[in-house]
Amino acid sequence: MDTKSLIIDNATILFQQKGYKGVGLSEILKVCNVTKGSLYHHFPNGKEELLIACLHSLNEVITMDIVDIFERYPTTLEATNSMIEKLIVNLEREGTITGYTFSSMVSEMATLSDPVRKACADLYAKIQGIYFKKLLEDGYPKESASNMALMMTATIEGAMMLCLAETSAKPLKVISQLIPNILKEF
């Protein structure tokens, strides 16, 4: 793995676990075993530029994973259930959902940095787009599919945050039981 990728991968985990403000450059340098010069070589504008690179990396990883799941299943409901089950398994096995949630970074930085807010908005838009496309394939009208994709994004992301706060998979389990009914309503 090259140095830039190493820094991004490790910083992403740290930012997800501790938030942007909770992680200092010295901690990133120590975990990555790189010098300050090396970090600034790859990220001349410092920690915020690194955060944006981490968000772009998360964007690729998360959307690739969601696309893979949604392409394997014939319906939105089956794909959504599979995705939520994967999140539950990860949470119960690892005690966290690192790699999937970035809400802590959004809530912490979106009002302070427009580039960070935009990177987060782009990721949410991609996720919604995946749901929207599958809902259209299921025969939902465009407006309903758009509204449902927004609701699914907010519900799943919110459930992940509640799981982390409560150290319990219950919120994801509850929404996995409710989403089928909501899909039928639309």
Protein backbone atom coordinates (compact mmCIF):
# COMPACT_ATOMS: atom_id res chain seq x y z
CA MET A 1 0.00 0.00 0.00
CA ASP A 2 1.37 3.42 -0.88
CA THR A 3 1.85 6.07 1.80
CA LYS A 4 -1.09 8.23 0.71
CA SER A 5 -3.50 5.26 0.78
CA LEU A 6 -2.12 4.18 4.15
CA ILE A 7 -2.74 7.63 5.60
CA ILE A 8 -6.26 7.79 4.15
CA ASP A 9 -7.21 4.30 5.37
CA ASN A 10 -5.94 4.84 8.90
CA ALA A 11 -7.25 8.41 9.20
CA THR A 12 -10.68 7.28 7.98
CA ILE A 13 -10.91 4.75 10.80
CA LEU A 14 -9.70 7.29 13.36
CA PHE A 15 -12.15 9.96 12.15
CA GLN A 16 -15.02 7.47 12.27
CA GLN A 17 -14.11 6.31 15.76
CA LYS A 18 -13.25 9.65 17.35
CA GLY A 19 -14.60 12.36 15.07
CA TYR A 20 -12.63 15.03 13.29
CA LYS A 21 -11.90 17.13 16.35
CA GLY A 22 -11.06 14.08 18.46
CA VAL A 23 -8.14 13.08 16.25
CA GLY A 24 -4.94 15.09 16.24
CA LEU A 25 -2.31 15.07 13.53
CA SER A 26 0.18 13.53 15.94
CA GLU A 27 -2.12 10.54 16.43
CA ILE A 28 -2.51 10.11 12.68
CA LEU A 29 1.26 10.31 12.21
CA LYS A 30 1.83 7.74 14.96
CA VAL A 31 -0.76 5.25 13.70
CA CYS A 32 0.51 5.59 10.12
CA ASN A 33 4.16 5.63 11.16
CA VAL A 34 4.85 8.57 8.85
CA THR A 35 6.50 11.93 9.30
CA LYS A 36 4.72 15.28 9.32
CA GLY A 37 6.54 16.10 6.07
CA SER A 38 5.16 12.98 4.43
CA LEU A 39 1.61 13.80 5.51
CA TYR A 40 1.88 17.39 4.23
CA HIS A 41 3.47 16.14 1.00
CA HIS A 42 0.25 14.24 0.25
CA PHE A 43 -2.14 16.70 1.94
CA PRO A 44 -0.59 20.19 1.67
CA ASN A 45 -3.66 21.83 3.22
CA GLY A 46 -3.51 19.57 6.27
CA LYS A 47 -6.14 17.78 8.27
CA GLU A 48 -9.24 19.12 6.48
CA GLU A 49 -7.87 18.08 3.09
CA LEU A 50 -7.15 14.65 4.58
CA LEU A 51 -10.73 14.43 5.90
CA ILE A 52 -12.10 15.21 2.45
CA ALA A 53 -9.86 12.51 0.95
CA CYS A 54 -11.19 10.10 3.59
CA LEU A 55 -14.77 11.00 2.69
CA HIS A 56 -14.05 10.43 -1.01
CA SER A 57 -12.53 7.05 -0.13
CA LEU A 58 -15.56 6.15 1.98
CA ASN A 59 -17.75 7.24 -0.92
CA GLU A 60 -16.10 4.68 -3.18
CA VAL A 61 -16.10 1.85 -0.64
CA ILE A 62 -19.63 2.35 0.64
CA THR A 63 -21.24 2.88 -2.74
CA MET A 64 -19.40 -0.08 -4.30
CA ASP A 65 -20.63 -2.30 -1.48
CA ILE A 66 -24.21 -1.04 -1.71
CA VAL A 67 -24.23 -1.36 -5.51
CA ASP A 68 -22.92 -4.91 -5.21
CA ILE A 69 -25.69 -5.85 -2.78
CA PHE A 70 -28.41 -4.10 -4.78
CA GLU A 71 -27.32 -5.79 -8.03
CA ARG A 72 -27.44 -9.25 -6.42
CA TYR A 73 -31.08 -9.03 -5.36
CA PRO A 74 -34.12 -8.67 -7.60
CA THR A 75 -36.06 -6.24 -5.38
CA THR A 76 -35.37 -3.22 -3.22
CA LEU A 77 -36.79 -5.01 -0.21
CA GLU A 78 -34.51 -8.04 -0.57
CA ALA A 79 -31.45 -5.86 -1.21
CA THR A 80 -32.25 -3.56 1.72
CA ASN A 81 -32.77 -6.50 4.07
CA SER A 82 -29.45 -8.00 2.98
CA MET A 83 -27.64 -4.70 3.47
CA ILE A 84 -29.15 -4.15 6.93
CA GLU A 85 -28.37 -7.73 7.93
CA LYS A 86 -24.74 -7.17 6.91
CA LEU A 87 -24.63 -4.03 9.07
CA ILE A 88 -26.11 -5.95 12.02
CA VAL A 89 -23.59 -8.78 11.65
CA ASN A 90 -20.70 -6.28 11.48
CA LEU A 91 -21.98 -4.45 14.54
CA GLU A 92 -22.49 -7.60 16.58
CA ARG A 93 -19.14 -9.08 15.54
CA GLU A 94 -16.98 -5.95 15.73
CA GLY A 95 -18.93 -3.72 18.12
CA THR A 96 -18.99 -0.95 15.54
CA ILE A 97 -20.07 -0.16 12.00
CA THR A 98 -16.79 1.42 10.97
CA GLY A 99 -16.63 1.69 7.21
CA TYR A 100 -20.30 2.47 6.74
CA THR A 101 -21.19 5.45 8.82
CA PHE A 102 -19.83 8.92 8.45
CA SER A 103 -22.59 10.83 10.22
CA SER A 104 -20.33 11.87 13.07
CA MET A 105 -18.11 13.68 10.58
CA VAL A 106 -21.13 15.31 8.95
CA SER A 107 -22.60 16.59 12.19
CA GLU A 108 -19.26 17.79 13.43
CA MET A 109 -17.91 19.50 10.32
CA ALA A 110 -20.67 20.27 7.83
CA THR A 111 -21.41 23.70 9.28
CA LEU A 112 -17.73 24.55 9.61
CA SER A 113 -16.45 23.56 6.18
CA ASP A 114 -18.30 23.81 2.90
CA PRO A 115 -15.92 21.37 1.13
CA VAL A 116 -16.54 18.77 3.87
CA ARG A 117 -20.29 19.38 3.73
CA LYS A 118 -20.21 18.94 -0.06
CA ALA A 119 -18.21 15.68 0.18
CA CYS A 120 -20.77 14.33 2.67
CA ALA A 121 -23.71 15.52 0.55
CA ASP A 122 -22.19 13.78 -2.49
CA LEU A 123 -21.99 10.50 -0.60
CA TYR A 124 -25.59 10.74 0.60
CA ALA A 125 -26.69 11.60 -2.94
CA LYS A 126 -24.91 8.53 -4.33
CA ILE A 127 -26.53 6.27 -1.75
CA GLN A 128 -29.95 7.77 -2.49
CA GLY A 129 -29.30 7.29 -6.19
CA ILE A 130 -28.67 3.58 -5.69
CA TYR A 131 -31.93 3.19 -3.78
CA PHE A 132 -33.79 5.36 -6.31
CA LYS A 133 -32.61 3.27 -9.26
CA LYS A 134 -33.68 0.02 -7.59
CA LEU A 135 -37.06 1.46 -6.63
CA LEU A 136 -37.62 2.51 -10.25
CA GLU A 137 -36.77 -1.04 -11.33
CA ASP A 138 -39.40 -2.23 -8.84
CA GLY A 139 -41.95 -0.10 -10.68
CA TYR A 140 -42.29 2.85 -8.31
CA PRO A 141 -43.16 6.18 -9.95
CA LYS A 142 -40.25 8.65 -10.05
CA GLU A 143 -41.56 10.94 -7.32
CA SER A 144 -42.37 8.05 -4.97
CA ALA A 145 -38.99 6.43 -5.68
CA SER A 146 -37.22 9.71 -4.96
CA ASN A 147 -39.11 10.24 -1.70
CA MET A 148 -38.60 6.63 -0.63
CA ALA A 149 -34.87 6.78 -1.41
CA LEU A 150 -34.54 9.86 0.79
CA MET A 151 -36.49 8.17 3.59
CA MET A 152 -34.39 5.01 3.34
CA THR A 153 -31.13 6.97 3.44
CA ALA A 154 -32.22 8.96 6.49
CA THR A 155 -33.68 5.93 8.27
CA ILE A 156 -30.72 3.61 7.74
CA GLU A 157 -28.13 6.28 8.55
CA GLY A 158 -30.09 7.31 11.64
CA ALA A 159 -30.42 3.70 12.77
CA MET A 160 -26.66 3.22 12.43
CA MET A 161 -26.03 6.26 14.61
CA LEU A 162 -28.51 4.99 17.22
CA CYS A 163 -26.82 1.57 17.17
CA LEU A 164 -23.47 3.17 17.88
CA ALA A 165 -24.91 5.40 20.63
CA GLU A 166 -26.80 2.53 22.27
CA THR A 167 -24.17 -0.16 21.53
CA SER A 168 -27.04 -2.30 20.32
CA ALA A 169 -28.20 -3.61 16.95
CA LYS A 170 -31.83 -3.06 17.96
CA PRO A 171 -32.40 0.11 15.86
CA LEU A 172 -31.28 -1.66 12.69
CA LYS A 173 -33.38 -4.72 13.56
CA VAL A 174 -36.45 -2.53 14.12
CA ILE A 175 -36.12 -0.66 10.83
CA SER A 176 -35.56 -3.93 8.96
CA GLN A 177 -39.00 -4.99 10.23
CA LEU A 178 -40.65 -1.66 9.36
CA ILE A 179 -39.20 -0.94 5.92
CA PRO A 180 -41.29 -3.67 4.19
CA ASN A 181 -44.48 -2.03 5.45
CA ILE A 182 -43.30 1.40 4.36
CA LEU A 183 -42.40 0.10 0.89
CA LYS A 184 -45.91 -1.35 0.56
CA GLU A 185 -47.46 2.00 1.49
CA PHE A 186 -45.78 3.82 -1.37
